[in-house]
PDB file of N, CA and C in Angstrom:
ATOM      1  N   MET A   1     -18.964  65.738 104.619  1.00  0.00           N
ATOM      2  CA  MET A   1     -18.863  67.055 104.126  1.00  0.00           C
ATOM      3  C   MET A   1     -19.239  66.804 102.690  1.00  0.00           C
ATOM      4  N   SER A   2     -18.770  65.784 102.003  1.00  0.00           N
ATOM      5  CA  SER A   2     -19.037  65.680 100.615  1.00  0.00           C
ATOM      6  C   SER A   2     -20.682  65.488 100.331  1.00  0.00           C
ATOM      7  N   VAL A   3     -21.422  64.984 101.277  1.00  0.00           N
ATOM      8  CA  VAL A   3     -22.930  64.772 101.159  1.00  0.00           C
ATOM      9  C   VAL A   3     -23.544  66.082 101.063  1.00  0.00           C
ATOM     10  N   ILE A   4     -23.071  67.041 101.916  1.00  0.00           N
ATOM     11  CA  ILE A   4     -23.627  68.355 101.953  1.00  0.00           C
ATOM     12  C   ILE A   4     -23.413  69.087 100.554  1.00  0.00           C
ATOM     13  N   LEU A   5     -22.191  68.917  99.988  1.00  0.00           N
ATOM     14  CA  LEU A   5     -21.739  69.497  98.709  1.00  0.00           C
ATOM     15  C   LEU A   5     -22.571  68.827  97.618  1.00  0.00           C
ATOM     16  N   MET A   6     -22.752  67.579  97.688  1.00  0.00           N
ATOM     17  CA  MET A   6     -23.539  66.928  96.359  1.00  0.00           C
ATOM     18  C   MET A   6     -24.952  67.075  96.744  1.00  0.00           C
ATOM     19  N   ALA A   7     -25.618  67.529  97.681  1.00  0.00           N
ATOM     20  CA  ALA A   7     -27.038  67.588  97.946  1.00  0.00           C
ATOM     21  C   ALA A   7     -27.623  68.245  96.910  1.00  0.00           C
ATOM     22  N   GLY A   8     -27.111  69.560  96.781  1.00  0.00           N
ATOM     23  CA  GLY A   8     -27.876  70.608  95.859  1.00  0.00           C
ATOM     24  C   GLY A   8     -27.473  70.392  94.502  1.00  0.00           C
ATOM     25  N   ARG A   9     -26.427  69.589  94.133  1.00  0.00           N
ATOM     26  CA  ARG A   9     -25.830  69.523  92.897  1.00  0.00           C
ATOM     27  C   ARG A   9     -26.786  68.682  91.926  1.00  0.00           C
ATOM     28  N   LYS A  10     -27.067  69.095  90.800  1.00  0.00           N
ATOM     29  CA  LYS A  10     -27.953  68.381  89.711  1.00  0.00           C
ATOM     30  C   LYS A  10     -27.010  67.676  88.877  1.00  0.00           C
ATOM     31  N   ARG A  11     -27.171  66.399  88.691  1.00  0.00           N
ATOM     32  CA  ARG A  11     -26.251  65.508  87.824  1.00  0.00           C
ATOM     33  C   ARG A  11     -26.493  65.814  86.372  1.00  0.00           C
ATOM     34  N   ASN A  12     -25.587  66.077  85.543  1.00  0.00           N
ATOM     35  CA  ASN A  12     -25.867  66.225  84.294  1.00  0.00           C
ATOM     36  C   ASN A  12     -26.048  64.877  83.539  1.00  0.00           C
ATOM     37  N   THR A  13     -27.430  64.527  83.259  1.00  0.00           N
ATOM     38  CA  THR A  13     -27.718  63.196  82.666  1.00  0.00           C
ATOM     39  C   THR A  13     -27.338  62.862  81.332  1.00  0.00           C
ATOM     40  N   SER A  14     -27.148  64.136  80.630  1.00  0.00           N
ATOM     41  CA  SER A  14     -26.792  64.037  79.002  1.00  0.00           C
ATOM     42  C   SER A  14     -25.158  63.800  78.989  1.00  0.00           C
ATOM     43  N   GLN A  15     -24.383  63.423  80.036  1.00  0.00           N
ATOM     44  CA  GLN A  15     -23.013  63.456  79.968  1.00  0.00           C
ATOM     45  C   GLN A  15     -22.468  62.591  78.913  1.00  0.00           C
ATOM     46  N   ASP A  16     -21.487  62.695  78.591  1.00  0.00           N
ATOM     47  CA  ASP A  16     -20.731  61.740  77.627  1.00  0.00           C
ATOM     48  C   ASP A  16     -20.418  60.446  78.274  1.00  0.00           C
ATOM     49  N   HIS A  17     -21.019  59.123  77.673  1.00  0.00           N
ATOM     50  CA  HIS A  17     -20.717  58.004  78.331  1.00  0.00           C
ATOM     51  C   HIS A  17     -19.412  57.223  77.537  1.00  0.00           C
ATOM     52  N   LYS A  18     -18.665  57.775  76.765  1.00  0.00           N
ATOM     53  CA  LYS A  18     -17.609  57.195  76.151  1.00  0.00           C
ATOM     54  C   LYS A  18     -16.685  56.428  76.990  1.00  0.00           C
ATOM     55  N   ASN A  19     -16.503  56.692  78.205  1.00  0.00           N
ATOM     56  CA  ASN A  19     -15.598  55.799  79.113  1.00  0.00           C
ATOM     57  C   ASN A  19     -16.311  54.821  80.035  1.00  0.00           C
ATOM     58  N   LYS A  20     -17.405  54.627  79.477  1.00  0.00           N
ATOM     59  CA  LYS A  20     -18.389  53.662  80.186  1.00  0.00           C
ATOM     60  C   LYS A  20     -18.759  52.457  79.380  1.00  0.00           C
ATOM     61  N   ARG A  21     -18.946  51.504  79.837  1.00  0.00           N
ATOM     62  CA  ARG A  21     -19.576  50.139  79.115  1.00  0.00           C
ATOM     63  C   ARG A  21     -20.916  50.372  78.999  1.00  0.00           C
ATOM     64  N   LYS A  22     -21.556  49.968  77.838  1.00  0.00           N
ATOM     65  CA  LYS A  22     -22.963  50.164  77.714  1.00  0.00           C
ATOM     66  C   LYS A  22     -23.581  48.716  77.813  1.00  0.00           C
ATOM     67  N   VAL A  23     -24.446  48.443  78.618  1.00  0.00           N
ATOM     68  CA  VAL A  23     -25.191  46.923  78.718  1.00  0.00           C
ATOM     69  C   VAL A  23     -26.623  47.331  78.723  1.00  0.00           C
ATOM     70  N   ILE A  24     -27.404  46.538  77.834  1.00  0.00           N
ATOM     71  CA  ILE A  24     -28.841  46.512  77.876  1.00  0.00           C
ATOM     72  C   ILE A  24     -29.454  45.270  78.542  1.00  0.00           C
ATOM     73  N   ARG A  25     -30.311  45.730  79.576  1.00  0.00           N
ATOM     74  CA  ARG A  25     -30.803  44.589  80.330  1.00  0.00           C
ATOM     75  C   ARG A  25     -32.533  44.457  79.963  1.00  0.00           C
ATOM     76  N   LYS A  26     -32.842  43.267  79.381  1.00  0.00           N
ATOM     77  CA  LYS A  26     -34.135  43.158  79.054  1.00  0.00           C
ATOM     78  C   LYS A  26     -34.963  42.761  80.067  1.00  0.00           C
ATOM     79  N   ALA A  27     -36.259  43.216  80.061  1.00  0.00           N
ATOM     80  CA  ALA A  27     -37.246  42.932  81.103  1.00  0.00           C
ATOM     81  C   ALA A  27     -37.735  41.462  80.945  1.00  0.00           C
ATOM     82  N   GLY A  28     -38.173  40.873  82.014  1.00  0.00           N
ATOM     83  CA  GLY A  28     -38.635  39.637  81.878  1.00  0.00           C
ATOM     84  C   GLY A  28     -38.405  38.800  83.339  1.00  0.00           C
ATOM     85  N   PHE A  29     -37.516  39.454  84.110  1.00  0.00           N
ATOM     86  CA  PHE A  29     -37.205  38.709  85.387  1.00  0.00           C
ATOM     87  C   PHE A  29     -38.063  39.469  86.346  1.00  0.00           C
ATOM     88  N   CYS A  30     -38.960  38.634  87.052  1.00  0.00           N
ATOM     89  CA  CYS A  30     -39.793  39.361  88.042  1.00  0.00           C
ATOM     90  C   CYS A  30     -38.978  39.264  89.433  1.00  0.00           C
ATOM     91  N   LEU A  31     -39.372  40.322  90.248  1.00  0.00           N
ATOM     92  CA  LEU A  31     -38.480  40.592  91.484  1.00  0.00           C
ATOM     93  C   LEU A  31     -38.964  39.449  92.470  1.00  0.00           C
ATOM     94  N   TYR A  32     -40.166  38.845  92.280  1.00  0.00           N
ATOM     95  CA  TYR A  32     -40.616  37.876  93.345  1.00  0.00           C
ATOM     96  C   TYR A  32     -40.593  36.492  92.680  1.00  0.00           C
ATOM     97  N   ASP A  33     -39.893  36.300  91.720  1.00  0.00           N
ATOM     98  CA  ASP A  33     -39.750  34.858  90.927  1.00  0.00           C
ATOM     99  C   ASP A  33     -39.165  33.890  91.912  1.00  0.00           C
ATOM    100  N   SER A  34     -39.663  32.749  92.117  1.00  0.00           N
ATOM    101  CA  SER A  34     -39.147  31.775  93.066  1.00  0.00           C
ATOM    102  C   SER A  34     -37.795  31.233  92.556  1.00  0.00           C
ATOM    103  N   LYS A  35     -37.627  31.385  91.330  1.00  0.00           N
ATOM    104  CA  LYS A  35     -36.161  30.618  90.940  1.00  0.00           C
ATOM    105  C   LYS A  35     -34.898  31.367  91.458  1.00  0.00           C
ATOM    106  N   ALA A  36     -35.092  32.732  91.591  1.00  0.00           N
ATOM    107  CA  ALA A  36     -33.877  33.456  91.790  1.00  0.00           C
ATOM    108  C   ALA A  36     -34.364  34.703  92.622  1.00  0.00           C
ATOM    109  N   LYS A  37     -33.436  34.955  93.765  1.00  0.00           N
ATOM    110  CA  LYS A  37     -34.070  36.218  94.419  1.00  0.00           C
ATOM    111  C   LYS A  37     -32.684  36.939  94.390  1.00  0.00           C
ATOM    112  N   PRO A  38     -32.792  38.005  93.521  1.00  0.00           N
ATOM    113  CA  PRO A  38     -31.629  39.147  93.477  1.00  0.00           C
ATOM    114  C   PRO A  38     -31.419  39.935  94.949  1.00  0.00           C
ATOM    115  N   LEU A  39     -30.320  40.214  95.088  1.00  0.00           N
ATOM    116  CA  LEU A  39     -30.160  41.221  96.154  1.00  0.00           C
ATOM    117  C   LEU A  39     -30.490  42.609  95.612  1.00  0.00           C
ATOM    118  N   LEU A  40     -31.494  43.122  96.445  1.00  0.00           N
ATOM    119  CA  LEU A  40     -31.828  44.399  96.182  1.00  0.00           C
ATOM    120  C   LEU A  40     -30.845  45.570  96.772  1.00  0.00           C
ATOM    121  N   THR A  41     -30.441  46.365  95.995  1.00  0.00           N
ATOM    122  CA  THR A  41     -29.653  47.581  96.491  1.00  0.00           C
ATOM    123  C   THR A  41     -30.192  48.542  97.166  1.00  0.00           C
ATOM    124  N   LYS A  42     -31.573  48.988  96.430  1.00  0.00           N
ATOM    125  CA  LYS A  42     -32.317  49.985  97.116  1.00  0.00           C
ATOM    126  C   LYS A  42     -33.609  49.957  96.541  1.00  0.00           C
ATOM    127  N   ALA A  43     -34.616  50.388  97.165  1.00  0.00           N
ATOM    128  CA  ALA A  43     -36.007  50.664  96.856  1.00  0.00           C
ATOM    129  C   ALA A  43     -36.705  51.819  97.375  1.00  0.00           C
ATOM    130  N   TRP A  44     -37.287  52.586  96.583  1.00  0.00           N
ATOM    131  CA  TRP A  44     -37.743  53.928  96.940  1.00  0.00           C
ATOM    132  C   TRP A  44     -39.362  53.864  96.698  1.00  0.00           C
ATOM    133  N   GLU A  45     -40.028  54.432  97.682  1.00  0.00           N
ATOM    134  CA  GLU A  45     -41.612  54.730  97.320  1.00  0.00           C
ATOM    135  C   GLU A  45     -41.612  56.222  96.819  1.00  0.00           C
ATOM    136  N   VAL A  46     -42.087  56.427  95.840  1.00  0.00           N
ATOM    137  CA  VAL A  46     -42.295  57.707  95.136  1.00  0.00           C
ATOM    138  C   VAL A  46     -43.693  57.919  94.363  1.00  0.00           C
ATOM    139  N   SER A  47     -43.942  59.077  94.223  1.00  0.00           N
ATOM    140  CA  SER A  47     -45.136  59.519  93.679  1.00  0.00           C
ATOM    141  C   SER A  47     -44.794  59.972  92.094  1.00  0.00           C
ATOM    142  N   ILE A  48     -45.499  59.223  91.344  1.00  0.00           N
ATOM    143  CA  ILE A  48     -45.512  59.492  89.911  1.00  0.00           C
ATOM    144  C   ILE A  48     -46.670  59.718  89.373  1.00  0.00           C
ATOM    145  N   ASP A  49     -47.004  60.869  88.663  1.00  0.00           N
ATOM    146  CA  ASP A  49     -48.512  61.241  88.192  1.00  0.00           C
ATOM    147  C   ASP A  49     -49.488  61.092  89.226  1.00  0.00           C
ATOM    148  N   GLY A  50     -49.270  61.555  90.646  1.00  0.00           N
ATOM    149  CA  GLY A  50     -50.205  61.311  91.486  1.00  0.00           C
ATOM    150  C   GLY A  50     -50.411  59.836  92.108  1.00  0.00           C
ATOM    151  N   SER A  51     -49.754  58.856  91.646  1.00  0.00           N
ATOM    152  CA  SER A  51     -49.723  57.547  92.229  1.00  0.00           C
ATOM    153  C   SER A  51     -48.548  57.010  92.847  1.00  0.00           C
ATOM    154  N   ASN A  52     -48.856  56.314  93.901  1.00  0.00           N
ATOM    155  CA  ASN A  52     -47.636  55.889  94.663  1.00  0.00           C
ATOM    156  C   ASN A  52     -46.877  54.815  93.812  1.00  0.00           C
ATOM    157  N   CYS A  53     -45.582  54.693  93.965  1.00  0.00           N
ATOM    158  CA  CYS A  53     -44.969  53.739  92.913  1.00  0.00           C
ATOM    159  C   CYS A  53     -43.544  53.285  93.641  1.00  0.00           C
ATOM    160  N   ARG A  54     -43.161  52.082  93.520  1.00  0.00           N
ATOM    161  CA  ARG A  54     -42.079  51.470  94.251  1.00  0.00           C
ATOM    162  C   ARG A  54     -41.204  51.345  93.121  1.00  0.00           C
ATOM    163  N   VAL A  55     -39.972  51.970  93.226  1.00  0.00           N
ATOM    164  CA  VAL A  55     -38.819  51.612  92.239  1.00  0.00           C
ATOM    165  C   VAL A  55     -37.725  50.937  92.896  1.00  0.00           C
ATOM    166  N   SER A  56     -37.276  49.760  92.491  1.00  0.00           N
ATOM    167  CA  SER A  56     -36.358  48.951  93.139  1.00  0.00           C
ATOM    168  C   SER A  56     -35.244  48.656  92.084  1.00  0.00           C
ATOM    169  N   PHE A  57     -34.158  48.584  92.671  1.00  0.00           N
ATOM    170  CA  PHE A  57     -32.970  48.089  91.782  1.00  0.00           C
ATOM    171  C   PHE A  57     -31.815  47.184  92.473  1.00  0.00           C
ATOM    172  N   SER A  58     -31.238  46.452  91.671  1.00  0.00           N
ATOM    173  CA  SER A  58     -30.265  45.720  92.118  1.00  0.00           C
ATOM    174  C   SER A  58     -28.936  46.201  91.293  1.00  0.00           C
ATOM    175  N   ARG A  59     -28.002  46.341  91.954  1.00  0.00           N
ATOM    176  CA  ARG A  59     -26.607  46.677  91.429  1.00  0.00           C
ATOM    177  C   ARG A  59     -26.010  45.489  90.948  1.00  0.00           C
ATOM    178  N   ASP A  60     -26.151  44.462  91.520  1.00  0.00           N
ATOM    179  CA  ASP A  60     -25.506  43.139  91.346  1.00  0.00           C
ATOM    180  C   ASP A  60     -25.877  42.804  89.748  1.00  0.00           C
ATOM    181  N   ASN A  61     -27.014  42.862  89.242  1.00  0.00           N
ATOM    182  CA  ASN A  61     -27.439  42.165  88.087  1.00  0.00           C
ATOM    183  C   ASN A  61     -27.953  43.353  87.228  1.00  0.00           C
ATOM    184  N   LEU A  62     -27.960  44.768  87.495  1.00  0.00           N
ATOM    185  CA  LEU A  62     -28.565  45.878  86.891  1.00  0.00           C
ATOM    186  C   LEU A  62     -29.801  45.681  86.398  1.00  0.00           C
ATOM    187  N   HIS A  63     -30.792  45.198  87.305  1.00  0.00           N
ATOM    188  CA  HIS A  63     -32.196  45.074  87.033  1.00  0.00           C
ATOM    189  C   HIS A  63     -32.985  45.994  87.716  1.00  0.00           C
ATOM    190  N   VAL A  64     -33.970  46.708  87.244  1.00  0.00           N
ATOM    191  CA  VAL A  64     -34.721  47.736  87.731  1.00  0.00           C
ATOM    192  C   VAL A  64     -36.181  47.149  87.713  1.00  0.00           C
ATOM    193  N   TRP A  65     -37.001  47.368  88.846  1.00  0.00           N
ATOM    194  CA  TRP A  65     -38.386  46.891  88.821  1.00  0.00           C
ATOM    195  C   TRP A  65     -39.312  48.028  89.206  1.00  0.00           C
ATOM    196  N   ILE A  66     -40.508  48.195  88.497  1.00  0.00           N
ATOM    197  CA  ILE A  66     -41.384  49.135  88.950  1.00  0.00           C
ATOM    198  C   ILE A  66     -42.598  48.503  89.573  1.00  0.00           C
ATOM    199  N   ASN A  67     -42.967  48.757  90.908  1.00  0.00           N
ATOM    200  CA  ASN A  67     -44.060  48.051  91.413  1.00  0.00           C
ATOM    201  C   ASN A  67     -43.856  46.373  91.342  1.00  0.00           C
ATOM    202  N   GLY A  68     -42.672  45.976  91.601  1.00  0.00           N
ATOM    203  CA  GLY A  68     -42.495  44.655  91.311  1.00  0.00           C
ATOM    204  C   GLY A  68     -42.252  43.819  89.800  1.00  0.00           C
ATOM    205  N   GLU A  69     -42.624  44.877  88.924  1.00  0.00           N
ATOM    206  CA  GLU A  69     -42.475  44.250  87.592  1.00  0.00           C
ATOM    207  C   GLU A  69     -41.204  44.830  86.995  1.00  0.00           C
ATOM    208  N   PRO A  70     -40.492  43.906  86.035  1.00  0.00           N
ATOM    209  CA  PRO A  70     -39.120  44.394  85.484  1.00  0.00           C
ATOM    210  C   PRO A  70     -39.451  45.164  84.416  1.00  0.00           C
ATOM    211  N   VAL A  71     -38.392  46.152  84.321  1.00  0.00           N
ATOM    212  CA  VAL A  71     -38.400  47.085  83.071  1.00  0.00           C
ATOM    213  C   VAL A  71     -37.132  47.092  82.382  1.00  0.00           C
ATOM    214  N   GLU A  72     -37.199  47.265  81.073  1.00  0.00           N
ATOM    215  CA  GLU A  72     -35.983  47.351  80.430  1.00  0.00           C
ATOM    216  C   GLU A  72     -35.131  48.315  80.688  1.00  0.00           C
ATOM    217  N   VAL A  73     -33.691  48.083  80.744  1.00  0.00           N
ATOM    218  CA  VAL A  73     -32.827  48.886  81.248  1.00  0.00           C
ATOM    219  C   VAL A  73     -31.778  49.314  80.632  1.00  0.00           C
ATOM    220  N   THR A  74     -31.150  50.495  80.154  1.00  0.00           N
ATOM    221  CA  THR A  74     -29.962  50.587  79.593  1.00  0.00           C
ATOM    222  C   THR A  74     -28.875  51.140  80.723  1.00  0.00           C
ATOM    223  N   ALA A  75     -27.799  50.479  80.801  1.00  0.00           N
ATOM    224  CA  ALA A  75     -26.869  50.678  81.960  1.00  0.00           C
ATOM    225  C   ALA A  75     -25.575  51.184  81.324  1.00  0.00           C
ATOM    226  N   TYR A  76     -25.123  51.968  81.917  1.00  0.00           N
ATOM    227  CA  TYR A  76     -23.597  52.442  81.602  1.00  0.00           C
ATOM    228  C   TYR A  76     -22.733  52.381  82.893  1.00  0.00           C
ATOM    229  N   ILE A  77     -21.641  51.473  82.692  1.00  0.00           N
ATOM    230  CA  ILE A  77     -20.837  51.118  83.873  1.00  0.00           C
ATOM    231  C   ILE A  77     -19.427  51.643  83.594  1.00  0.00           C
ATOM    232  N   SER A  78     -18.974  52.215  84.625  1.00  0.00           N
ATOM    233  CA  SER A  78     -17.338  52.650  84.413  1.00  0.00           C
ATOM    234  C   SER A  78     -16.567  51.647  84.388  1.00  0.00           C
ATOM    235  N   ASP A  79     -15.232  51.896  83.737  1.00  0.00           N
ATOM    236  CA  ASP A  79     -14.402  50.742  83.633  1.00  0.00           C
ATOM    237  C   ASP A  79     -14.116  50.145  84.927  1.00  0.00           C
ATOM    238  N   GLN A  80     -14.050  51.024  86.049  1.00  0.00           N
ATOM    239  CA  GLN A  80     -13.531  50.477  87.199  1.00  0.00           C
ATOM    240  C   GLN A  80     -14.672  49.769  88.020  1.00  0.00           C
ATOM    241  N   GLY A  81     -16.086  49.877  87.395  1.00  0.00           N
ATOM    242  CA  GLY A  81     -17.329  49.227  87.961  1.00  0.00           C
ATOM    243  C   GLY A  81     -17.728  50.124  89.159  1.00  0.00           C
ATOM    244  N   MET A  82     -17.170  51.339  89.483  1.00  0.00           N
ATOM    245  CA  MET A  82     -17.616  51.968  90.514  1.00  0.00           C
ATOM    246  C   MET A  82     -18.807  52.883  90.414  1.00  0.00           C
ATOM    247  N   ASP A  83     -18.975  53.502  89.133  1.00  0.00           N
ATOM    248  CA  ASP A  83     -20.141  54.124  88.756  1.00  0.00           C
ATOM    249  C   ASP A  83     -21.047  53.488  88.075  1.00  0.00           C
ATOM    250  N   VAL A  84     -22.470  53.511  88.216  1.00  0.00           N
ATOM    251  CA  VAL A  84     -23.322  52.698  87.329  1.00  0.00           C
ATOM    252  C   VAL A  84     -24.707  53.600  87.196  1.00  0.00           C
ATOM    253  N   ASP A  85     -24.896  53.932  85.976  1.00  0.00           N
ATOM    254  CA  ASP A  85     -26.032  54.614  85.398  1.00  0.00           C
ATOM    255  C   ASP A  85     -27.001  53.934  84.873  1.00  0.00           C
ATOM    256  N   LEU A  86     -28.307  53.692  85.370  1.00  0.00           N
ATOM    257  CA  LEU A  86     -29.342  52.991  85.006  1.00  0.00           C
ATOM    258  C   LEU A  86     -30.419  53.704  84.354  1.00  0.00           C
ATOM    259  N   TYR A  87     -30.729  53.796  82.982  1.00  0.00           N
ATOM    260  CA  TYR A  87     -31.930  54.490  82.477  1.00  0.00           C
ATOM    261  C   TYR A  87     -32.953  53.534  82.058  1.00  0.00           C
ATOM    262  N   PHE A  88     -34.164  54.096  82.381  1.00  0.00           N
ATOM    263  CA  PHE A  88     -35.484  53.230  82.002  1.00  0.00           C
ATOM    264  C   PHE A  88     -36.722  54.161  81.896  1.00  0.00           C
ATOM    265  N   ASP A  89     -37.776  53.768  81.512  1.00  0.00           N
ATOM    266  CA  ASP A  89     -38.963  54.452  81.365  1.00  0.00           C
ATOM    267  C   ASP A  89     -40.091  53.985  82.412  1.00  0.00           C
ATOM    268  N   VAL A  90     -40.799  54.930  82.959  1.00  0.00           N
ATOM    269  CA  VAL A  90     -41.772  54.685  83.805  1.00  0.00           C
ATOM    270  C   VAL A  90     -43.244  55.522  83.116  1.00  0.00           C
ATOM    271  N   THR A  91     -43.892  54.906  82.545  1.00  0.00           N
ATOM    272  CA  THR A  91     -45.025  55.481  81.801  1.00  0.00           C
ATOM    273  C   THR A  91     -44.544  56.491  80.924  1.00  0.00           C
ATOM    274  N   THR A  92     -44.838  57.806  81.057  1.00  0.00           N
ATOM    275  CA  THR A  92     -44.212  58.827  80.005  1.00  0.00           C
ATOM    276  C   THR A  92     -43.187  59.736  80.686  1.00  0.00           C
ATOM    277  N   HIS A  93     -42.588  59.072  81.700  1.00  0.00           N
ATOM    278  CA  HIS A  93     -41.279  59.511  82.387  1.00  0.00           C
ATOM    279  C   HIS A  93     -40.052  59.031  82.034  1.00  0.00           C
ATOM    280  N   LYS A  94     -39.012  59.564  82.087  1.00  0.00           N
ATOM    281  CA  LYS A  94     -37.636  59.076  82.063  1.00  0.00           C
ATOM    282  C   LYS A  94     -37.034  59.017  83.368  1.00  0.00           C
ATOM    283  N   GLY A  95     -36.769  57.647  83.775  1.00  0.00           N
ATOM    284  CA  GLY A  95     -36.098  57.392  84.921  1.00  0.00           C
ATOM    285  C   GLY A  95     -34.720  57.282  84.759  1.00  0.00           C
ATOM    286  N   HIS A  96     -33.834  57.407  85.897  1.00  0.00           N
ATOM    287  CA  HIS A  96     -32.332  57.401  85.987  1.00  0.00           C
ATOM    288  C   HIS A  96     -31.776  57.068  87.443  1.00  0.00           C
ATOM    289  N   ILE A  97     -31.135  56.044  87.572  1.00  0.00           N
ATOM    290  CA  ILE A  97     -30.654  55.729  88.815  1.00  0.00           C
ATOM    291  C   ILE A  97     -29.044  55.918  88.763  1.00  0.00           C
ATOM    292  N   PHE A  98     -28.575  56.675  89.580  1.00  0.00           N
ATOM    293  CA  PHE A  98     -26.932  56.785  89.552  1.00  0.00           C
ATOM    294  C   PHE A  98     -26.568  56.126  90.922  1.00  0.00           C
ATOM    295  N   SER A  99     -25.559  55.085  90.678  1.00  0.00           N
ATOM    296  CA  SER A  99     -24.877  54.312  91.879  1.00  0.00           C
ATOM    297  C   SER A  99     -23.587  54.502  91.845  1.00  0.00           C
ATOM    298  N   ASP A 100     -23.146  55.142  93.004  1.00  0.00           N
ATOM    299  CA  ASP A 100     -21.650  55.500  92.976  1.00  0.00           C
ATOM    300  C   ASP A 100     -21.125  54.732  94.289  1.00  0.00           C
ATOM    301  N   VAL A 101     -19.936  54.408  94.183  1.00  0.00           N
ATOM    302  CA  VAL A 101     -19.094  53.652  95.437  1.00  0.00           C
ATOM    303  C   VAL A 101     -17.913  54.241  95.586  1.00  0.00           C
ATOM    304  N   GLU A 102     -17.516  54.806  96.713  1.00  0.00           N
ATOM    305  CA  GLU A 102     -16.254  55.418  97.158  1.00  0.00           C
ATOM    306  C   GLU A 102     -15.851  54.828  98.413  1.00  0.00           C
ATOM    307  N   GLY A 103     -14.925  53.994  98.220  1.00  0.00           N
ATOM    308  CA  GLY A 103     -14.494  53.288  99.432  1.00  0.00           C
ATOM    309  C   GLY A 103     -15.534  52.742 100.136  1.00  0.00           C
ATOM    310  N   SER A 104     -15.763  52.765 101.303  1.00  0.00           N
ATOM    311  CA  SER A 104     -16.761  51.961 101.809  1.00  0.00           C
ATOM    312  C   SER A 104     -18.117  52.591 101.922  1.00  0.00           C
ATOM    313  N   GLU A 105     -18.375  53.722 101.175  1.00  0.00           N
ATOM    314  CA  GLU A 105     -19.634  54.307 101.008  1.00  0.00           C
ATOM    315  C   GLU A 105     -20.301  54.290  99.704  1.00  0.00           C
ATOM    316  N   MET A 106     -21.746  54.018  99.651  1.00  0.00           N
ATOM    317  CA  MET A 106     -22.311  53.812  98.428  1.00  0.00           C
ATOM    318  C   MET A 106     -23.453  54.806  98.426  1.00  0.00           C
ATOM    319  N   THR A 107     -23.461  55.684  97.280  1.00  0.00           N
ATOM    320  CA  THR A 107     -24.669  56.577  97.203  1.00  0.00           C
ATOM    321  C   THR A 107     -25.552  56.238  95.918  1.00  0.00           C
ATOM    322  N   ASN A 108     -26.806  56.063  96.103  1.00  0.00           N
ATOM    323  CA  ASN A 108     -27.742  55.700  95.190  1.00  0.00           C
ATOM    324  C   ASN A 108     -28.768  56.972  95.120  1.00  0.00           C
ATOM    325  N   THR A 109     -28.711  57.208  93.852  1.00  0.00           N
ATOM    326  CA  THR A 109     -29.941  58.472  93.738  1.00  0.00           C
ATOM    327  C   THR A 109     -30.634  58.239  92.540  1.00  0.00           C
ATOM    328  N   LEU A 110     -32.153  58.409  92.836  1.00  0.00           N
ATOM    329  CA  LEU A 110     -33.187  58.262  91.694  1.00  0.00           C
ATOM    330  C   LEU A 110     -33.603  59.677  91.260  1.00  0.00           C
ATOM    331  N   TYR A 111     -33.576  59.737  89.849  1.00  0.00           N
ATOM    332  CA  TYR A 111     -34.050  60.863  88.940  1.00  0.00           C
ATOM    333  C   TYR A 111     -35.050  60.497  88.272  1.00  0.00           C
ATOM    334  N   MET A 112     -35.948  61.415  88.334  1.00  0.00           N
ATOM    335  CA  MET A 112     -37.236  61.355  87.244  1.00  0.00           C
ATOM    336  C   MET A 112     -37.300  62.655  86.381  1.00  0.00           C
ATOM    337  N   ASP A 113     -37.198  62.422  85.254  1.00  0.00           N
ATOM    338  CA  ASP A 113     -37.169  63.560  84.138  1.00  0.00           C
ATOM    339  C   ASP A 113     -36.120  64.652  84.690  1.00  0.00           C
ATOM    340  N   ASP A 114     -34.852  64.066  85.089  1.00  0.00           N
ATOM    341  CA  ASP A 114     -33.655  64.740  85.212  1.00  0.00           C
ATOM    342  C   ASP A 114     -33.814  65.651  86.469  1.00  0.00           C
ATOM    343  N   ASP A 115     -34.714  65.315  87.409  1.00  0.00           N
ATOM    344  CA  ASP A 115     -34.773  65.976  88.759  1.00  0.00           C
ATOM    345  C   ASP A 115     -34.657  64.908  89.717  1.00  0.00           C
ATOM    346  N   ILE A 116     -33.689  65.204  91.090  1.00  0.00           N
ATOM    347  CA  ILE A 116     -33.500  64.152  91.787  1.00  0.00           C
ATOM    348  C   ILE A 116     -34.732  63.975  92.698  1.00  0.00           C
ATOM    349  N   VAL A 117     -35.465  62.789  92.653  1.00  0.00           N
ATOM    350  CA  VAL A 117     -36.528  62.429  93.527  1.00  0.00           C
ATOM    351  C   VAL A 117     -36.137  61.907  94.796  1.00  0.00           C
ATOM    352  N   ALA A 118     -35.104  61.125  94.905  1.00  0.00           N
ATOM    353  CA  ALA A 118     -34.482  60.530  96.336  1.00  0.00           C
ATOM    354  C   ALA A 118     -33.208  60.221  96.153  1.00  0.00           C
ATOM    355  N   GLN A 119     -32.492  60.039  97.422  1.00  0.00           N
ATOM    356  CA  GLN A 119     -31.120  59.726  97.357  1.00  0.00           C
ATOM    357  C   GLN A 119     -30.802  59.036  98.579  1.00  0.00           C
ATOM    358  N   HIS A 120     -29.791  57.979  98.750  1.00  0.00           N
ATOM    359  CA  HIS A 120     -29.621  57.197  99.895  1.00  0.00           C
ATOM    360  C   HIS A 120     -28.308  57.173 100.100  1.00  0.00           C
ATOM    361  N   GLN A 121     -27.646  57.352 101.056  1.00  0.00           N
ATOM    362  CA  GLN A 121     -26.174  57.087 101.077  1.00  0.00           C
ATOM    363  C   GLN A 121     -26.045  55.948 102.318  1.00  0.00           C
ATOM    364  N   PHE A 122     -25.237  54.990 101.995  1.00  0.00           N
ATOM    365  CA  PHE A 122     -24.846  53.763 102.843  1.00  0.00           C
ATOM    366  C   PHE A 122     -23.644  53.533 103.013  1.00  0.00           C
ATOM    367  N   SER A 123     -23.224  53.447 104.323  1.00  0.00           N
ATOM    368  CA  SER A 123     -21.813  53.158 104.799  1.00  0.00           C
ATOM    369  C   SER A 123     -21.581  51.817 105.586  1.00  0.00           C
ATOM    370  N   GLU A 124     -20.536  51.273 105.200  1.00  0.00           N
ATOM    371  CA  GLU A 124     -20.434  49.721 106.065  1.00  0.00           C
ATOM    372  C   GLU A 124     -20.389  50.091 107.547  1.00  0.00           C
ATOM    373  N   LYS A 125     -20.045  51.342 107.648  1.00  0.00           N
ATOM    374  CA  LYS A 125     -19.758  51.588 109.370  1.00  0.00           C
ATOM    375  C   LYS A 125     -21.278  51.703 109.913  1.00  0.00           C
ATOM    376  N   ASN A 126     -22.176  51.967 109.148  1.00  0.00           N
ATOM    377  CA  ASN A 126     -23.638  52.081 109.750  1.00  0.00           C
ATOM    378  C   ASN A 126     -24.171  50.764 110.435  1.00  0.00           C
TER     379      ASN A 126
END
C-alpha cells in the first residue's frame, strides 16, 4: 500500500538536512578496480541528453559511478542510518539517489534534476 501512495509523490530535494550527518565522498575509486569489489546496491540504465547512461551506487560505502567511472558525492545520512541522500553531478544535470530502509524493505530512487527517473523496491522476502 505504501508503494502506491509514494509512487506519485515528488520528494522535496531542498529539504533541511539539519538532522542528518554530511559526508563527502571523493571520486577516484573505479567500480572495476581489482583491489576491492564493493557490493552494488542498485544500478539503473537511463537516458541522459539522449545517451544511454548507467548509474550505479553502493549504500555500503556511499560511492556512485556513472558508466563505471566514480563521481564525487555529497551524502546525507540520518542519525539512525536508515535514510541516505546522495547528491552528484552528471554532465550539466543534478543527480540525487534516495535510499530508505524500513524493516526488511529497501527503496532506492534515482532523481535527475528533481524528477524521478527510476525507483526500485527490494524486500528480503523476494
